[in-house]
């Protein structure tokens, strides 16, 4: 009785075509681009220039009233200062804050 022969089936590893790799790379690049655009659109745009030809400061609060403050007590305040001019703002002296007692 002859021995049964074994069929050897050659298996090839299928490689994806080169265009598929290009498509994958393009898709990843598109996702990264869209993510960057979404992140940058969420940032606050610069305020429009209200003054032309020079820098100009705009402060969000002109004054604060803390009421009666005991000597030695610390109080805090935050001001937002914005350059609303169309030229760069440069300080030539140290900025200072003037505190005026009562009104």
PDB file of N, CA and C in Angstrom:
ATOM      1  N   UNK A   1       0.826  -1.159   0.000  1.00  0.00           N
ATOM      2  CA  UNK A   1       0.000   0.000   0.000  1.00  0.00           C
ATOM      3  C   UNK A   1       0.888   1.247   0.000  1.00  0.00           C
ATOM      4  N   UNK A   2       0.660   2.081  -0.990  1.00  0.00           N
ATOM      5  CA  UNK A   2       1.488   3.289  -1.045  1.00  0.00           C
ATOM      6  C   UNK A   2       1.091   4.275   0.055  1.00  0.00           C
ATOM      7  N   UNK A   3       2.080   5.061   0.464  1.00  0.00           N
ATOM      8  CA  UNK A   3       1.814   6.081   1.501  1.00  0.00           C
ATOM      9  C   UNK A   3       1.032   7.224   0.868  1.00  0.00           C
ATOM     10  N   UNK A   4       0.053   7.709   1.604  1.00  0.00           N
ATOM     11  CA  UNK A   4      -0.681   8.846   1.062  1.00  0.00           C
ATOM     12  C   UNK A   4       0.246  10.067   0.999  1.00  0.00           C
ATOM     13  N   UNK A   5       0.177  10.764  -0.078  1.00  0.00           N
ATOM     14  CA  UNK A   5       1.027  11.949  -0.228  1.00  0.00           C
ATOM     15  C   UNK A   5       0.401  13.137   0.486  1.00  0.00           C
ATOM     16  N   UNK A   6       1.265  13.933   1.017  1.00  0.00           N
ATOM     17  CA  UNK A   6       0.783  15.130   1.705  1.00  0.00           C
ATOM     18  C   UNK A   6       0.872  16.289   0.739  1.00  0.00           C
ATOM     19  N   UNK A   7      -0.182  16.996   0.681  1.00  0.00           N
ATOM     20  CA  UNK A   7      -0.177  18.183  -0.158  1.00  0.00           C
ATOM     21  C   UNK A   7       0.345  19.341   0.667  1.00  0.00           C
ATOM     22  N   UNK A   8       1.300  19.971   0.139  1.00  0.00           N
ATOM     23  CA  UNK A   8       1.841  21.142   0.806  1.00  0.00           C
ATOM     24  C   UNK A   8       1.264  22.364   0.102  1.00  0.00           C
ATOM     25  N   UNK A   9       0.574  23.138   0.886  1.00  0.00           N
ATOM     26  CA  UNK A   9      -0.026  24.338   0.332  1.00  0.00           C
ATOM     27  C   UNK A   9       0.833  25.524   0.769  1.00  0.00           C
ATOM     28  N   UNK A  10       1.344  26.214  -0.185  1.00  0.00           N
ATOM     29  CA  UNK A  10       2.169  27.372   0.123  1.00  0.00           C
ATOM     30  C   UNK A  10       1.253  28.534   0.518  1.00  0.00           C
ATOM     31  N   UNK A  11       1.584  29.104   1.614  1.00  0.00           N
ATOM     32  CA  UNK A  11       0.796  30.254   2.060  1.00  0.00           C
ATOM     33  C   UNK A  11       1.619  31.513   1.844  1.00  0.00           C
ATOM     34  N   UNK A  12       0.995  32.455   1.246  1.00  0.00           N
ATOM     35  CA  UNK A  12       1.649  33.737   1.039  1.00  0.00           C
ATOM     36  C   UNK A  12       1.081  34.736   2.024  1.00  0.00           C
ATOM     37  N   UNK A  13       1.997  35.530   2.556  1.00  0.00           N
ATOM     38  CA  UNK A  13       1.512  36.625   3.386  1.00  0.00           C
ATOM     39  C   UNK A  13       1.084  37.728   2.444  1.00  0.00           C
ATOM     40  N   UNK A  14      -0.126  38.167   2.613  1.00  0.00           N
ATOM     41  CA  UNK A  14      -0.630  39.219   1.743  1.00  0.00           C
ATOM     42  C   UNK A  14      -0.138  40.565   2.250  1.00  0.00           C
ATOM     43  N   UNK A  15       0.491  41.293   1.395  1.00  0.00           N
ATOM     44  CA  UNK A  15       0.951  42.635   1.737  1.00  0.00           C
ATOM     45  C   UNK A  15      -0.069  43.626   1.201  1.00  0.00           C
ATOM     46  N   UNK A  16      -0.431  44.606   2.036  1.00  0.00           N
ATOM     47  CA  UNK A  16      -1.367  45.605   1.534  1.00  0.00           C
ATOM     48  C   UNK A  16      -0.707  46.420   0.428  1.00  0.00           C
ATOM     49  N   UNK A  17      -1.474  46.824  -0.543  1.00  0.00           N
ATOM     50  CA  UNK A  17      -0.894  47.608  -1.634  1.00  0.00           C
ATOM     51  C   UNK A  17      -0.369  48.950  -1.125  1.00  0.00           C
ATOM     52  N   UNK A  18       0.589  49.496  -1.839  1.00  0.00           N
ATOM     53  CA  UNK A  18       1.242  50.740  -1.430  1.00  0.00           C
ATOM     54  C   UNK A  18       0.251  51.894  -1.334  1.00  0.00           C
ATOM     55  N   UNK A  19      -0.763  51.918  -2.185  1.00  0.00           N
ATOM     56  CA  UNK A  19      -1.739  53.000  -2.138  1.00  0.00           C
ATOM     57  C   UNK A  19      -2.520  52.986  -0.835  1.00  0.00           C
ATOM     58  N   UNK A  20      -2.678  51.778  -0.239  1.00  0.00           N
ATOM     59  CA  UNK A  20      -3.399  51.681   1.030  1.00  0.00           C
ATOM     60  C   UNK A  20      -2.601  52.352   2.144  1.00  0.00           C
ATOM     61  N   UNK A  21      -1.280  52.174   2.128  1.00  0.00           N
ATOM     62  CA  UNK A  21      -0.434  52.844   3.110  1.00  0.00           C
ATOM     63  C   UNK A  21      -0.536  54.361   2.942  1.00  0.00           C
ATOM     64  N   UNK A  22      -0.547  54.817   1.720  1.00  0.00           N
ATOM     65  CA  UNK A  22      -0.696  56.252   1.454  1.00  0.00           C
ATOM     66  C   UNK A  22      -2.017  56.782   1.990  1.00  0.00           C
ATOM     67  N   UNK A  23      -3.061  55.992   1.808  1.00  0.00           N
ATOM     68  CA  UNK A  23      -4.383  56.385   2.294  1.00  0.00           C
ATOM     69  C   UNK A  23      -4.403  56.445   3.822  1.00  0.00           C
ATOM     70  N   UNK A  24      -3.753  55.495   4.472  1.00  0.00           N
ATOM     71  CA  UNK A  24      -3.698  55.481   5.939  1.00  0.00           C
ATOM     72  C   UNK A  24      -2.934  56.705   6.451  1.00  0.00           C
ATOM     73  N   UNK A  25      -1.781  56.986   5.838  1.00  0.00           N
ATOM     74  CA  UNK A  25      -0.981  58.148   6.257  1.00  0.00           C
ATOM     75  C   UNK A  25      -1.762  59.439   6.031  1.00  0.00           C
ATOM     76  N   UNK A  26      -2.438  59.556   4.901  1.00  0.00           N
ATOM     77  CA  UNK A  26      -3.225  60.759   4.620  1.00  0.00           C
ATOM     78  C   UNK A  26      -4.363  60.913   5.634  1.00  0.00           C
ATOM     79  N   UNK A  27      -4.998  59.813   6.014  1.00  0.00           N
ATOM     80  CA  UNK A  27      -6.081  59.860   7.002  1.00  0.00           C
ATOM     81  C   UNK A  27      -5.587  60.316   8.362  1.00  0.00           C
ATOM     82  N   UNK A  28      -4.433  59.799   8.786  1.00  0.00           N
ATOM     83  CA  UNK A  28      -3.874  60.206  10.076  1.00  0.00           C
ATOM     84  C   UNK A  28      -3.498  61.687  10.033  1.00  0.00           C
ATOM     85  N   UNK A  29      -2.889  62.123   8.923  1.00  0.00           N
ATOM     86  CA  UNK A  29      -2.519  63.537   8.788  1.00  0.00           C
ATOM     87  C   UNK A  29      -3.762  64.424   8.841  1.00  0.00           C
ATOM     88  N   UNK A  30      -4.843  64.003   8.211  1.00  0.00           N
ATOM     89  CA  UNK A  30      -6.082  64.771   8.227  1.00  0.00           C
ATOM     90  C   UNK A  30      -6.650  64.864   9.646  1.00  0.00           C
ATOM     91  N   UNK A  31      -6.607  63.780  10.379  1.00  0.00           N
ATOM     92  CA  UNK A  31      -7.109  63.784  11.763  1.00  0.00           C
ATOM     93  C   UNK A  31      -6.286  64.738  12.616  1.00  0.00           C
ATOM     94  N   UNK A  32      -4.958  64.700  12.472  1.00  0.00           N
ATOM     95  CA  UNK A  32      -4.093  65.612  13.236  1.00  0.00           C
ATOM     96  C   UNK A  32      -4.379  67.060  12.856  1.00  0.00           C
ATOM     97  N   UNK A  33      -4.534  67.343  11.567  1.00  0.00           N
ATOM     98  CA  UNK A  33      -4.821  68.702  11.110  1.00  0.00           C
ATOM     99  C   UNK A  33      -6.133  69.209  11.695  1.00  0.00           C
ATOM    100  N   UNK A  34      -7.169  68.395  11.654  1.00  0.00           N
ATOM    101  CA  UNK A  34      -8.475  68.795  12.187  1.00  0.00           C
ATOM    102  C   UNK A  34      -8.383  69.036  13.692  1.00  0.00           C
ATOM    103  N   UNK A  35      -7.655  68.180  14.406  1.00  0.00           N
ATOM    104  CA  UNK A  35      -7.504  68.361  15.853  1.00  0.00           C
ATOM    105  C   UNK A  35      -6.810  69.677  16.164  1.00  0.00           C
ATOM    106  N   UNK A  36      -5.781  70.011  15.404  1.00  0.00           N
ATOM    107  CA  UNK A  36      -5.074  71.273  15.625  1.00  0.00           C
ATOM    108  C   UNK A  36      -5.997  72.453  15.346  1.00  0.00           C
ATOM    109  N   UNK A  37      -6.803  72.373  14.296  1.00  0.00           N
ATOM    110  CA  UNK A  37      -7.726  73.462  13.973  1.00  0.00           C
ATOM    111  C   UNK A  37      -8.769  73.647  15.070  1.00  0.00           C
ATOM    112  N   UNK A  38      -9.291  72.554  15.605  1.00  0.00           N
ATOM    113  CA  UNK A  38     -10.300  72.638  16.661  1.00  0.00           C
ATOM    114  C   UNK A  38      -9.697  73.270  17.906  1.00  0.00           C
ATOM    115  N   UNK A  39      -8.476  72.857  18.255  1.00  0.00           N
ATOM    116  CA  UNK A  39      -7.830  73.411  19.445  1.00  0.00           C
ATOM    117  C   UNK A  39      -7.547  74.894  19.256  1.00  0.00           C
ATOM    118  N   UNK A  40      -7.055  75.280  18.091  1.00  0.00           N
ATOM    119  CA  UNK A  40      -6.718  76.689  17.877  1.00  0.00           C
ATOM    120  C   UNK A  40      -7.969  77.562  17.769  1.00  0.00           C
ATOM    121  N   UNK A  41      -9.088  77.026  17.323  1.00  0.00           N
ATOM    122  CA  UNK A  41     -10.326  77.805  17.239  1.00  0.00           C
ATOM    123  C   UNK A  41     -10.943  78.041  18.599  1.00  0.00           C
ATOM    124  N   UNK A  42     -10.588  77.211  19.594  1.00  0.00           N
ATOM    125  CA  UNK A  42     -11.130  77.395  20.932  1.00  0.00           C
ATOM    126  C   UNK A  42     -10.410  78.496  21.695  1.00  0.00           C
ATOM    127  N   UNK A  43      -9.254  78.950  21.203  1.00  0.00           N
ATOM    128  CA  UNK A  43      -8.537  80.017  21.889  1.00  0.00           C
ATOM    129  C   UNK A  43      -9.245  81.353  21.630  1.00  0.00           C
ATOM    130  N   UNK A  44      -9.090  82.257  22.573  1.00  0.00           N
ATOM    131  CA  UNK A  44      -9.753  83.549  22.474  1.00  0.00           C
ATOM    132  C   UNK A  44      -9.062  84.406  21.416  1.00  0.00           C
ATOM    133  N   UNK A  45      -9.815  84.931  20.479  1.00  0.00           N
ATOM    134  CA  UNK A  45      -9.187  85.781  19.463  1.00  0.00           C
ATOM    135  C   UNK A  45      -8.752  87.106  20.087  1.00  0.00           C
ATOM    136  N   UNK A  46      -7.733  87.743  19.525  1.00  0.00           N
ATOM    137  CA  UNK A  46      -7.312  89.031  20.084  1.00  0.00           C
ATOM    138  C   UNK A  46      -8.423  90.066  19.938  1.00  0.00           C
ATOM    139  N   UNK A  47      -8.504  90.990  20.888  1.00  0.00           N
ATOM    140  CA  UNK A  47      -9.561  92.003  20.803  1.00  0.00           C
ATOM    141  C   UNK A  47      -9.336  92.898  19.588  1.00  0.00           C
ATOM    142  N   UNK A  48     -10.404  93.444  19.040  1.00  0.00           N
ATOM    143  CA  UNK A  48     -10.234  94.328  17.884  1.00  0.00           C
ATOM    144  C   UNK A  48      -9.538  95.626  18.305  1.00  0.00           C
ATOM    145  N   UNK A  49      -8.806  96.208  17.395  1.00  0.00           N
ATOM    146  CA  UNK A  49      -8.126  97.480  17.671  1.00  0.00           C
ATOM    147  C   UNK A  49      -9.176  98.589  17.721  1.00  0.00           C
ATOM    148  N   UNK A  50      -9.208  99.301  18.848  1.00  0.00           N
ATOM    149  CA  UNK A  50     -10.128 100.423  18.993  1.00  0.00           C
ATOM    150  C   UNK A  50      -9.436 101.743  18.682  1.00  0.00           C
ATOM    151  N   UNK A  51      -8.090 101.728  18.747  1.00  0.00           N
ATOM    152  CA  UNK A  51      -7.305 102.937  18.511  1.00  0.00           C
ATOM    153  C   UNK A  51      -6.315 102.630  17.403  1.00  0.00           C
ATOM    154  N   UNK A  52      -6.183 103.519  16.443  1.00  0.00           N
ATOM    155  CA  UNK A  52      -5.242 103.281  15.348  1.00  0.00           C
ATOM    156  C   UNK A  52      -4.035 104.209  15.456  1.00  0.00           C
ATOM    157  N   UNK A  53      -2.893 103.683  15.043  1.00  0.00           N
ATOM    158  CA  UNK A  53      -1.677 104.477  14.999  1.00  0.00           C
ATOM    159  C   UNK A  53      -0.879 104.542  16.281  1.00  0.00           C
ATOM    160  N   UNK A  54      -1.360 103.920  17.353  1.00  0.00           N
ATOM    161  CA  UNK A  54      -0.632 103.944  18.628  1.00  0.00           C
ATOM    162  C   UNK A  54      -1.169 102.849  19.549  1.00  0.00           C
ATOM    163  N   UNK A  55      -0.418 102.516  20.601  1.00  0.00           N
ATOM    164  CA  UNK A  55      -0.944 101.575  21.589  1.00  0.00           C
ATOM    165  C   UNK A  55      -1.924 102.293  22.518  1.00  0.00           C
ATOM    166  N   UNK A  56      -2.823 101.565  23.110  1.00  0.00           N
ATOM    167  CA  UNK A  56      -3.774 102.138  24.067  1.00  0.00           C
ATOM    168  C   UNK A  56      -4.200 101.056  25.047  1.00  0.00           C
ATOM    169  N   UNK A  57      -4.219 101.383  26.319  1.00  0.00           N
ATOM    170  CA  UNK A  57      -4.620 100.424  27.349  1.00  0.00           C
ATOM    171  C   UNK A  57      -6.102 100.538  27.658  1.00  0.00           C
ATOM    172  N   UNK A  58      -6.700  99.378  27.881  1.00  0.00           N
ATOM    173  CA  UNK A  58      -8.087  99.331  28.347  1.00  0.00           C
ATOM    174  C   UNK A  58      -8.100  98.424  29.570  1.00  0.00           C
ATOM    175  N   UNK A  59      -8.698  98.892  30.659  1.00  0.00           N
ATOM    176  CA  UNK A  59      -8.761  98.149  31.911  1.00  0.00           C
ATOM    177  C   UNK A  59     -10.196  97.706  32.132  1.00  0.00           C
ATOM    178  N   UNK A  60     -10.383  96.464  32.584  1.00  0.00           N
ATOM    179  CA  UNK A  60     -11.746  95.954  32.746  1.00  0.00           C
ATOM    180  C   UNK A  60     -12.482  96.565  33.934  1.00  0.00           C
ATOM    181  N   UNK A  61     -11.746  97.114  34.929  1.00  0.00           N
ATOM    182  CA  UNK A  61     -12.387  97.773  36.081  1.00  0.00           C
ATOM    183  C   UNK A  61     -11.675  99.095  36.320  1.00  0.00           C
ATOM    184  N   UNK A  62     -12.416 100.151  36.439  1.00  0.00           N
ATOM    185  CA  UNK A  62     -11.815 101.456  36.711  1.00  0.00           C
ATOM    186  C   UNK A  62     -11.501 101.628  38.195  1.00  0.00           C
ATOM    187  N   UNK A  63     -12.351 101.053  39.058  1.00  0.00           N
ATOM    188  CA  UNK A  63     -12.122 101.185  40.491  1.00  0.00           C
ATOM    189  C   UNK A  63     -12.735  99.997  41.220  1.00  0.00           C
ATOM    190  N   UNK A  64     -12.289  99.800  42.455  1.00  0.00           N
ATOM    191  CA  UNK A  64     -12.831  98.749  43.324  1.00  0.00           C
ATOM    192  C   UNK A  64     -13.144  99.357  44.682  1.00  0.00           C
ATOM    193  N   UNK A  65     -14.185  98.864  45.329  1.00  0.00           N
ATOM    194  CA  UNK A  65     -14.509  99.310  46.675  1.00  0.00           C
ATOM    195  C   UNK A  65     -14.460  98.086  47.577  1.00  0.00           C
ATOM    196  N   UNK A  66     -13.453  98.033  48.450  1.00  0.00           N
ATOM    197  CA  UNK A  66     -13.319  96.913  49.383  1.00  0.00           C
ATOM    198  C   UNK A  66     -14.057  97.171  50.689  1.00  0.00           C
ATOM    199  N   UNK A  67     -14.695  98.327  50.802  1.00  0.00           N
ATOM    200  CA  UNK A  67     -15.363  98.658  52.060  1.00  0.00           C
ATOM    201  C   UNK A  67     -14.319  99.003  53.108  1.00  0.00           C
ATOM    202  N   UNK A  68     -14.623  98.749  54.374  1.00  0.00           N
ATOM    203  CA  UNK A  68     -13.671  99.028  55.458  1.00  0.00           C
ATOM    204  C   UNK A  68     -12.690  97.868  55.563  1.00  0.00           C
ATOM    205  N   UNK A  69     -11.410  98.186  55.463  1.00  0.00           N
ATOM    206  CA  UNK A  69     -10.363  97.173  55.570  1.00  0.00           C
ATOM    207  C   UNK A  69      -9.551  97.473  56.818  1.00  0.00           C
ATOM    208  N   UNK A  70      -9.433  96.471  57.674  1.00  0.00           N
ATOM    209  CA  UNK A  70      -8.677  96.618  58.914  1.00  0.00           C
ATOM    210  C   UNK A  70      -7.188  96.723  58.597  1.00  0.00           C
ATOM    211  N   UNK A  71      -6.476  97.564  59.340  1.00  0.00           N
ATOM    212  CA  UNK A  71      -5.045  97.734  59.143  1.00  0.00           C
ATOM    213  C   UNK A  71      -4.344  96.380  59.272  1.00  0.00           C
ATOM    214  N   UNK A  72      -3.540  96.051  58.313  1.00  0.00           N
ATOM    215  CA  UNK A  72      -2.818  94.771  58.321  1.00  0.00           C
ATOM    216  C   UNK A  72      -3.553  93.671  57.578  1.00  0.00           C
ATOM    217  N   UNK A  73      -4.823  93.881  57.264  1.00  0.00           N
ATOM    218  CA  UNK A  73      -5.586  92.879  56.524  1.00  0.00           C
ATOM    219  C   UNK A  73      -5.204  92.944  55.051  1.00  0.00           C
ATOM    220  N   UNK A  74      -5.041  91.789  54.432  1.00  0.00           N
ATOM    221  CA  UNK A  74      -4.677  91.741  53.015  1.00  0.00           C
ATOM    222  C   UNK A  74      -5.923  91.585  52.158  1.00  0.00           C
ATOM    223  N   UNK A  75      -5.999  92.370  51.113  1.00  0.00           N
ATOM    224  CA  UNK A  75      -7.086  92.248  50.147  1.00  0.00           C
ATOM    225  C   UNK A  75      -6.471  92.063  48.767  1.00  0.00           C
ATOM    226  N   UNK A  76      -7.174  91.414  47.895  1.00  0.00           N
ATOM    227  CA  UNK A  76      -6.671  91.160  46.550  1.00  0.00           C
ATOM    228  C   UNK A  76      -7.677  91.615  45.514  1.00  0.00           C
ATOM    229  N   UNK A  77      -7.149  91.997  44.377  1.00  0.00           N
ATOM    230  CA  UNK A  77      -7.997  92.358  43.242  1.00  0.00           C
ATOM    231  C   UNK A  77      -7.260  91.972  41.976  1.00  0.00           C
ATOM    232  N   UNK A  78      -8.007  91.614  40.962  1.00  0.00           N
ATOM    233  CA  UNK A  78      -7.423  91.298  39.668  1.00  0.00           C
ATOM    234  C   UNK A  78      -8.011  92.233  38.630  1.00  0.00           C
ATOM    235  N   UNK A  79      -7.133  92.770  37.815  1.00  0.00           N
ATOM    236  CA  UNK A  79      -7.533  93.624  36.717  1.00  0.00           C
ATOM    237  C   UNK A  79      -7.041  92.988  35.433  1.00  0.00           C
ATOM    238  N   UNK A  80      -7.830  93.072  34.398  1.00  0.00           N
ATOM    239  CA  UNK A  80      -7.385  92.631  33.090  1.00  0.00           C
ATOM    240  C   UNK A  80      -7.079  93.872  32.262  1.00  0.00           C
ATOM    241  N   UNK A  81      -5.833  93.966  31.839  1.00  0.00           N
ATOM    242  CA  UNK A  81      -5.380  95.110  31.065  1.00  0.00           C
ATOM    243  C   UNK A  81      -5.111  94.632  29.646  1.00  0.00           C
ATOM    244  N   UNK A  82      -5.693  95.321  28.661  1.00  0.00           N
ATOM    245  CA  UNK A  82      -5.584  94.914  27.262  1.00  0.00           C
ATOM    246  C   UNK A  82      -5.093  96.082  26.416  1.00  0.00           C
ATOM    247  N   UNK A  83      -4.213  95.785  25.481  1.00  0.00           N
ATOM    248  CA  UNK A  83      -3.778  96.789  24.513  1.00  0.00           C
ATOM    249  C   UNK A  83      -4.803  96.794  23.388  1.00  0.00           C
ATOM    250  N   UNK A  84      -5.595  97.853  23.290  1.00  0.00           N
ATOM    251  CA  UNK A  84      -6.624  97.942  22.251  1.00  0.00           C
ATOM    252  C   UNK A  84      -6.168  98.804  21.075  1.00  0.00           C
ATOM    253  N   UNK A  85      -4.904  99.184  21.084  1.00  0.00           N
ATOM    254  CA  UNK A  85      -4.341  99.924  19.964  1.00  0.00           C
ATOM    255  C   UNK A  85      -3.785  98.955  18.933  1.00  0.00           C
ATOM    256  N   UNK A  86      -3.404  99.488  17.785  1.00  0.00           N
ATOM    257  CA  UNK A  86      -2.878  98.617  16.740  1.00  0.00           C
ATOM    258  C   UNK A  86      -1.345  98.608  16.691  1.00  0.00           C
ATOM    259  N   UNK A  87      -0.694  99.222  17.686  1.00  0.00           N
ATOM    260  CA  UNK A  87       0.766  99.226  17.781  1.00  0.00           C
ATOM    261  C   UNK A  87       1.173  98.500  19.061  1.00  0.00           C
ATOM    262  N   UNK A  88       2.401  97.936  19.092  1.00  0.00           N
ATOM    263  CA  UNK A  88       2.857  97.241  20.308  1.00  0.00           C
ATOM    264  C   UNK A  88       2.954  98.203  21.493  1.00  0.00           C
ATOM    265  N   UNK A  89       2.628  97.687  22.665  1.00  0.00           N
ATOM    266  CA  UNK A  89       2.694  98.479  23.893  1.00  0.00           C
ATOM    267  C   UNK A  89       4.009  98.165  24.595  1.00  0.00           C
ATOM    268  N   UNK A  90       4.773  99.194  24.903  1.00  0.00           N
ATOM    269  CA  UNK A  90       6.048  99.017  25.602  1.00  0.00           C
ATOM    270  C   UNK A  90       6.054  99.934  26.817  1.00  0.00           C
ATOM    271  N   UNK A  91       6.426  99.386  27.962  1.00  0.00           N
ATOM    272  CA  UNK A  91       6.537 100.184  29.176  1.00  0.00           C
ATOM    273  C   UNK A  91       7.940 100.757  29.248  1.00  0.00           C
ATOM    274  N   UNK A  92       8.057 102.060  29.414  1.00  0.00           N
ATOM    275  CA  UNK A  92       9.368 102.687  29.548  1.00  0.00           C
ATOM    276  C   UNK A  92       9.730 102.871  31.015  1.00  0.00           C
ATOM    277  N   UNK A  93       8.725 102.828  31.888  1.00  0.00           N
ATOM    278  CA  UNK A  93       8.936 102.897  33.335  1.00  0.00           C
ATOM    279  C   UNK A  93       8.189 101.734  33.959  1.00  0.00           C
ATOM    280  N   UNK A  94       8.535 101.423  35.195  1.00  0.00           N
ATOM    281  CA  UNK A  94       7.828 100.361  35.916  1.00  0.00           C
ATOM    282  C   UNK A  94       6.379 100.754  36.142  1.00  0.00           C
ATOM    283  N   UNK A  95       5.425  99.883  35.788  1.00  0.00           N
ATOM    284  CA  UNK A  95       4.017 100.202  36.063  1.00  0.00           C
ATOM    285  C   UNK A  95       3.780 100.270  37.578  1.00  0.00           C
ATOM    286  N   UNK A  96       2.849 101.099  37.986  1.00  0.00           N
ATOM    287  CA  UNK A  96       2.522 101.196  39.408  1.00  0.00           C
ATOM    288  C   UNK A  96       1.007 101.312  39.565  1.00  0.00           C
ATOM    289  N   UNK A  97       0.570 101.034  40.777  1.00  0.00           N
ATOM    290  CA  UNK A  97      -0.854 101.150  41.109  1.00  0.00           C
ATOM    291  C   UNK A  97      -0.967 102.209  42.198  1.00  0.00           C
ATOM    292  N   UNK A  98      -1.920 103.107  42.046  1.00  0.00           N
ATOM    293  CA  UNK A  98      -2.138 104.143  43.037  1.00  0.00           C
ATOM    294  C   UNK A  98      -3.336 103.764  43.889  1.00  0.00           C
ATOM    295  N   UNK A  99      -3.120 103.756  45.203  1.00  0.00           N
ATOM    296  CA  UNK A  99      -4.194 103.437  46.143  1.00  0.00           C
ATOM    297  C   UNK A  99      -4.653 104.748  46.772  1.00  0.00           C
ATOM    298  N   UNK A 100      -5.941 105.039  46.671  1.00  0.00           N
ATOM    299  CA  UNK A 100      -6.503 106.276  47.196  1.00  0.00           C
ATOM    300  C   UNK A 100      -7.444 105.914  48.345  1.00  0.00           C
ATOM    301  N   UNK A 101      -7.260 106.591  49.462  1.00  0.00           N
ATOM    302  CA  UNK A 101      -8.092 106.302  50.626  1.00  0.00           C
ATOM    303  C   UNK A 101      -9.457 106.951  50.473  1.00  0.00           C
ATOM    304  N   UNK A 102     -10.501 106.123  50.629  1.00  0.00           N
ATOM    305  CA  UNK A 102     -11.897 106.569  50.679  1.00  0.00           C
ATOM    306  C   UNK A 102     -12.327 107.640  49.693  1.00  0.00           C
ATOM    307  N   UNK A 103     -13.575 107.692  49.444  1.00  0.00           N
ATOM    308  CA  UNK A 103     -14.152 108.724  48.590  1.00  0.00           C
ATOM    309  C   UNK A 103     -15.432 109.230  49.200  1.00  0.00           C
TER     310      UNK A 103
END
